[in-house]
C-alpha atoms as a PDB file:
ATOM      1  CA  MET A   1     -18.191-101.688-145.429  1.00  0.00           C
ATOM      2  CA  THR A   2     -17.416-104.970-144.553  1.00  0.00           C
ATOM      3  CA  THR A   3     -14.129-106.774-144.014  1.00  0.00           C
ATOM      4  CA  ALA A   4     -13.930-110.562-144.511  1.00  0.00           C
ATOM      5  CA  LYS A   5     -12.912-111.976-142.037  1.00  0.00           C
ATOM      6  CA  LYS A   6      -9.428-114.557-143.154  1.00  0.00           C
ATOM      7  CA  PRO A   7      -9.794-118.078-141.373  1.00  0.00           C
ATOM      8  CA  VAL A   8      -7.981-119.186-138.537  1.00  0.00           C
ATOM      9  CA  ALA A   9      -5.882-122.247-137.957  1.00  0.00           C
ATOM     10  CA  LYS A  10      -6.888-124.432-135.585  1.00  0.00           C
ATOM     11  CA  LYS A  11      -3.905-126.607-133.605  1.00  0.00           C
ATOM     12  CA  SER A  12      -4.568-130.248-133.918  1.00  0.00           C
ATOM     13  CA  VAL A  13      -4.182-131.549-130.313  1.00  0.00           C
ATOM     14  CA  THR A  14      -3.271-135.496-129.987  1.00  0.00           C
ATOM     15  CA  LYS A  15      -3.554-136.912-126.558  1.00  0.00           C
ATOM     16  CA  LYS A  16      -1.406-139.926-125.285  1.00  0.00           C
ATOM     17  CA  VAL A  17      -3.849-142.826-124.692  1.00  0.00           C
ATOM     18  CA  ALA A  18      -2.881-144.277-121.532  1.00  0.00           C
ATOM     19  CA  ASP A  19      -2.161-148.085-122.341  1.00  0.00           C
ATOM     20  CA  LYS A  20      -5.860-149.167-122.703  1.00  0.00           C
ATOM     21  CA  GLU A  21      -7.351-152.721-123.166  1.00  0.00           C
ATOM     22  CA  VAL A  22      -8.262-152.406-126.846  1.00  0.00           C
ATOM     23  CA  THR A  23     -12.168-153.238-126.693  1.00  0.00           C
ATOM     24  CA  HIS A  24     -13.422-155.498-130.201  1.00  0.00           C
ATOM     25  CA  LYS A  25     -17.634-154.697-130.574  1.00  0.00           C
ATOM     26  CA  LEU A  26     -19.709-156.702-132.431  1.00  0.00           C
ATOM     27  CA  ARG A  27     -22.297-154.579-133.042  1.00  0.00           C
ATOM     28  CA  ILE A  28     -26.072-156.277-134.127  1.00  0.00           C
ATOM     29  CA  ARG A  29     -29.209-154.993-136.253  1.00  0.00           C
ATOM     30  CA  VAL A  30     -32.351-156.539-135.917  1.00  0.00           C
ATOM     31  CA  ARG A  31     -35.092-155.382-138.703  1.00  0.00           C
ATOM     32  CA  ALA A  32     -38.001-157.476-139.126  1.00  0.00           C
ATOM     33  CA  TYR A  33     -41.671-156.219-139.717  1.00  0.00           C
ATOM     34  CA  GLU A  34     -43.842-157.196-136.562  1.00  0.00           C
ATOM     35  CA  ASN A  35     -42.071-155.670-134.045  1.00  0.00           C
ATOM     36  CA  LYS A  36     -43.298-159.050-131.282  1.00  0.00           C
ATOM     37  CA  VAL A  37     -41.119-161.287-133.958  1.00  0.00           C
ATOM     38  CA  LEU A  38     -38.637-158.536-133.652  1.00  0.00           C
ATOM     39  CA  ASP A  39     -38.730-158.423-129.197  1.00  0.00           C
ATOM     40  CA  ASN A  40     -38.393-162.577-129.181  1.00  0.00           C
ATOM     41  CA  SER A  41     -35.783-162.265-131.752  1.00  0.00           C
ATOM     42  CA  VAL A  42     -33.657-159.765-129.694  1.00  0.00           C
ATOM     43  CA  LYS A  43     -34.256-161.465-126.569  1.00  0.00           C
ATOM     44  CA  GLN A  44     -32.588-165.048-128.099  1.00  0.00           C
ATOM     45  CA  ILE A  45     -29.318-163.157-129.005  1.00  0.00           C
ATOM     46  CA  VAL A  46     -29.377-161.230-125.247  1.00  0.00           C
ATOM     47  CA  ASP A  47     -29.525-164.457-124.027  1.00  0.00           C
ATOM     48  CA  THR A  48     -27.193-166.299-125.884  1.00  0.00           C
ATOM     49  CA  ALA A  49     -24.211-163.912-125.284  1.00  0.00           C
ATOM     50  CA  LEU A  50     -24.996-163.846-121.842  1.00  0.00           C
ATOM     51  CA  ARG A  51     -25.141-167.434-121.392  1.00  0.00           C
ATOM     52  CA  TYR A  52     -20.914-167.447-122.800  1.00  0.00           C
ATOM     53  CA  ASP A  53     -20.594-164.065-120.315  1.00  0.00           C
ATOM     54  CA  ALA A  54     -20.531-161.117-122.677  1.00  0.00           C
ATOM     55  CA  GLU A  55     -21.178-157.670-121.821  1.00  0.00           C
ATOM     56  CA  VAL A  56     -24.067-156.836-123.691  1.00  0.00           C
ATOM     57  CA  ILE A  57     -25.577-153.484-124.706  1.00  0.00           C
ATOM     58  CA  GLY A  58     -29.423-152.923-125.648  1.00  0.00           C
ATOM     59  CA  PRO A  59     -31.244-153.620-127.191  1.00  0.00           C
ATOM     60  CA  MET A  60     -32.223-150.520-128.476  1.00  0.00           C
ATOM     61  CA  PRO A  61     -34.909-149.347-130.729  1.00  0.00           C
ATOM     62  CA  LEU A  62     -33.946-147.159-133.371  1.00  0.00           C
ATOM     63  CA  PRO A  63     -36.529-144.935-135.420  1.00  0.00           C
ATOM     64  CA  THR A  64     -39.160-147.296-137.406  1.00  0.00           C
ATOM     65  CA  GLU A  65     -38.957-146.887-140.874  1.00  0.00           C
ATOM     66  CA  ILE A  66     -42.558-146.111-142.263  1.00  0.00           C
ATOM     67  CA  LYS A  67     -42.801-146.999-146.184  1.00  0.00           C
ATOM     68  CA  LYS A  68     -46.053-145.382-147.720  1.00  0.00           C
ATOM     69  CA  TYR A  69     -47.528-146.227-150.852  1.00  0.00           C
ATOM     70  CA  THR A  70     -50.795-144.706-152.483  1.00  0.00           C
ATOM     71  CA  VAL A  71     -52.984-146.312-154.936  1.00  0.00           C
ATOM     72  CA  LEU A  72     -55.510-144.727-157.218  1.00  0.00           C
ATOM     73  CA  ARG A  73     -59.422-147.105-156.127  1.00  0.00           C
ATOM     74  CA  SER A  74     -60.318-146.327-159.455  1.00  0.00           C
ATOM     75  CA  ALA A  75     -58.493-147.178-163.064  1.00  0.00           C
ATOM     76  CA  PHE A  76     -60.350-144.427-164.998  1.00  0.00           C
ATOM     77  CA  ILE A  77     -62.261-141.785-163.038  1.00  0.00           C
ATOM     78  CA  TYR A  78     -62.787-141.872-159.513  1.00  0.00           C
ATOM     79  CA  LYS A  79     -59.119-139.699-159.227  1.00  0.00           C
ATOM     80  CA  ASN A  80     -60.159-138.631-155.195  1.00  0.00           C
ATOM     81  CA  ALA A  81     -60.834-142.071-154.474  1.00  0.00           C
ATOM     82  CA  ARG A  82     -57.234-143.103-153.395  1.00  0.00           C
ATOM     83  CA  GLU A  83     -56.077-146.129-151.106  1.00  0.00           C
ATOM     84  CA  GLN A  84     -52.644-145.828-149.022  1.00  0.00           C
ATOM     85  CA  PHE A  85     -51.173-148.443-147.774  1.00  0.00           C
ATOM     86  CA  GLU A  86     -48.145-148.755-145.222  1.00  0.00           C
ATOM     87  CA  MET A  87     -45.084-150.614-143.856  1.00  0.00           C
ATOM     88  CA  ARG A  88     -43.387-150.093-140.827  1.00  0.00           C
ATOM     89  CA  VAL A  89     -39.706-152.005-140.067  1.00  0.00           C
ATOM     90  CA  HIS A  90     -39.192-151.936-136.665  1.00  0.00           C
ATOM     91  CA  LYS A  91     -35.398-152.082-136.016  1.00  0.00           C
ATOM     92  CA  ARG A  92     -33.546-152.825-132.636  1.00  0.00           C
ATOM     93  CA  LEU A  93     -29.472-152.492-132.057  1.00  0.00           C
ATOM     94  CA  ILE A  94     -27.419-154.405-129.809  1.00  0.00           C
ATOM     95  CA  ASP A  95     -23.513-154.204-129.213  1.00  0.00           C
ATOM     96  CA  ILE A  96     -22.101-157.498-127.784  1.00  0.00           C
ATOM     97  CA  LEU A  97     -18.746-155.738-125.895  1.00  0.00           C
ATOM     98  CA  ASN A  98     -15.520-157.890-126.142  1.00  0.00           C
ATOM     99  CA  PRO A  99     -17.184-161.546-127.946  1.00  0.00           C
ATOM    100  CA  ASN A 100     -15.786-164.865-127.266  1.00  0.00           C
ATOM    101  CA  ALA A 101     -15.049-167.526-130.294  1.00  0.00           C
ATOM    102  CA  LYS A 102     -17.902-169.360-128.028  1.00  0.00           C
ATOM    103  CA  VAL A 103     -20.195-166.216-128.433  1.00  0.00           C
ATOM    104  CA  VAL A 104     -19.887-165.993-132.096  1.00  0.00           C
ATOM    105  CA  GLU A 105     -20.342-169.191-132.893  1.00  0.00           C
ATOM    106  CA  ALA A 106     -23.110-169.706-130.659  1.00  0.00           C
ATOM    107  CA  LEU A 107     -24.502-166.595-132.894  1.00  0.00           C
ATOM    108  CA  THR A 108     -24.173-168.234-136.270  1.00  0.00           C
ATOM    109  CA  ASN A 109     -25.376-171.372-135.166  1.00  0.00           C
ATOM    110  CA  LEU A 110     -28.954-169.888-133.818  1.00  0.00           C
ATOM    111  CA  SER A 111     -31.911-170.008-135.947  1.00  0.00           C
ATOM    112  CA  LEU A 112     -34.341-167.386-135.563  1.00  0.00           C
ATOM    113  CA  PRO A 113     -38.018-166.926-137.811  1.00  0.00           C
ATOM    114  CA  SER A 114     -38.485-166.287-141.351  1.00  0.00           C
ATOM    115  CA  GLY A 115     -39.005-162.816-141.866  1.00  0.00           C
ATOM    116  CA  VAL A 116     -35.947-160.791-139.475  1.00  0.00           C
ATOM    117  CA  ASN A 117     -33.154-159.582-141.202  1.00  0.00           C
ATOM    118  CA  ILE A 118     -29.437-159.536-139.052  1.00  0.00           C
ATOM    119  CA  ASP A 119     -26.595-157.169-139.643  1.00  0.00           C
ATOM    120  CA  VAL A 120     -23.918-158.388-138.211  1.00  0.00           C
ATOM    121  CA  LYS A 121     -20.664-156.031-137.639  1.00  0.00           C
ATOM    122  CA  MET A 122     -17.348-156.215-136.811  1.00  0.00           C
ATOM    123  CA  MET A 123     -15.588-153.158-134.755  1.00  0.00           C
END
């Protein structure tokens, strides 16, 4: 004989936060196919942020996204003869704490090589 357990109501606990300074964060995700170009771009971003006395966390490497494609070598026969191709997308994450206007302006004027994709979020 099984007994059904009744769901227990959880108490919501609210904690009062002492007057903490509200920190804004600029989260930058950088993606590229080549890791050397990516590392140079990330170094350029970090140097620019540090030049204007911003606190930088990172760069943190994120998992490499691997896309694999399998293609038949022959159009009609030899079905077992196949080739595999892959694309690797390398990613890095940089957090800049309490960015001021000079840091944001310097990062927007930064020229990075082609093939480097940048996503910027303000948190």
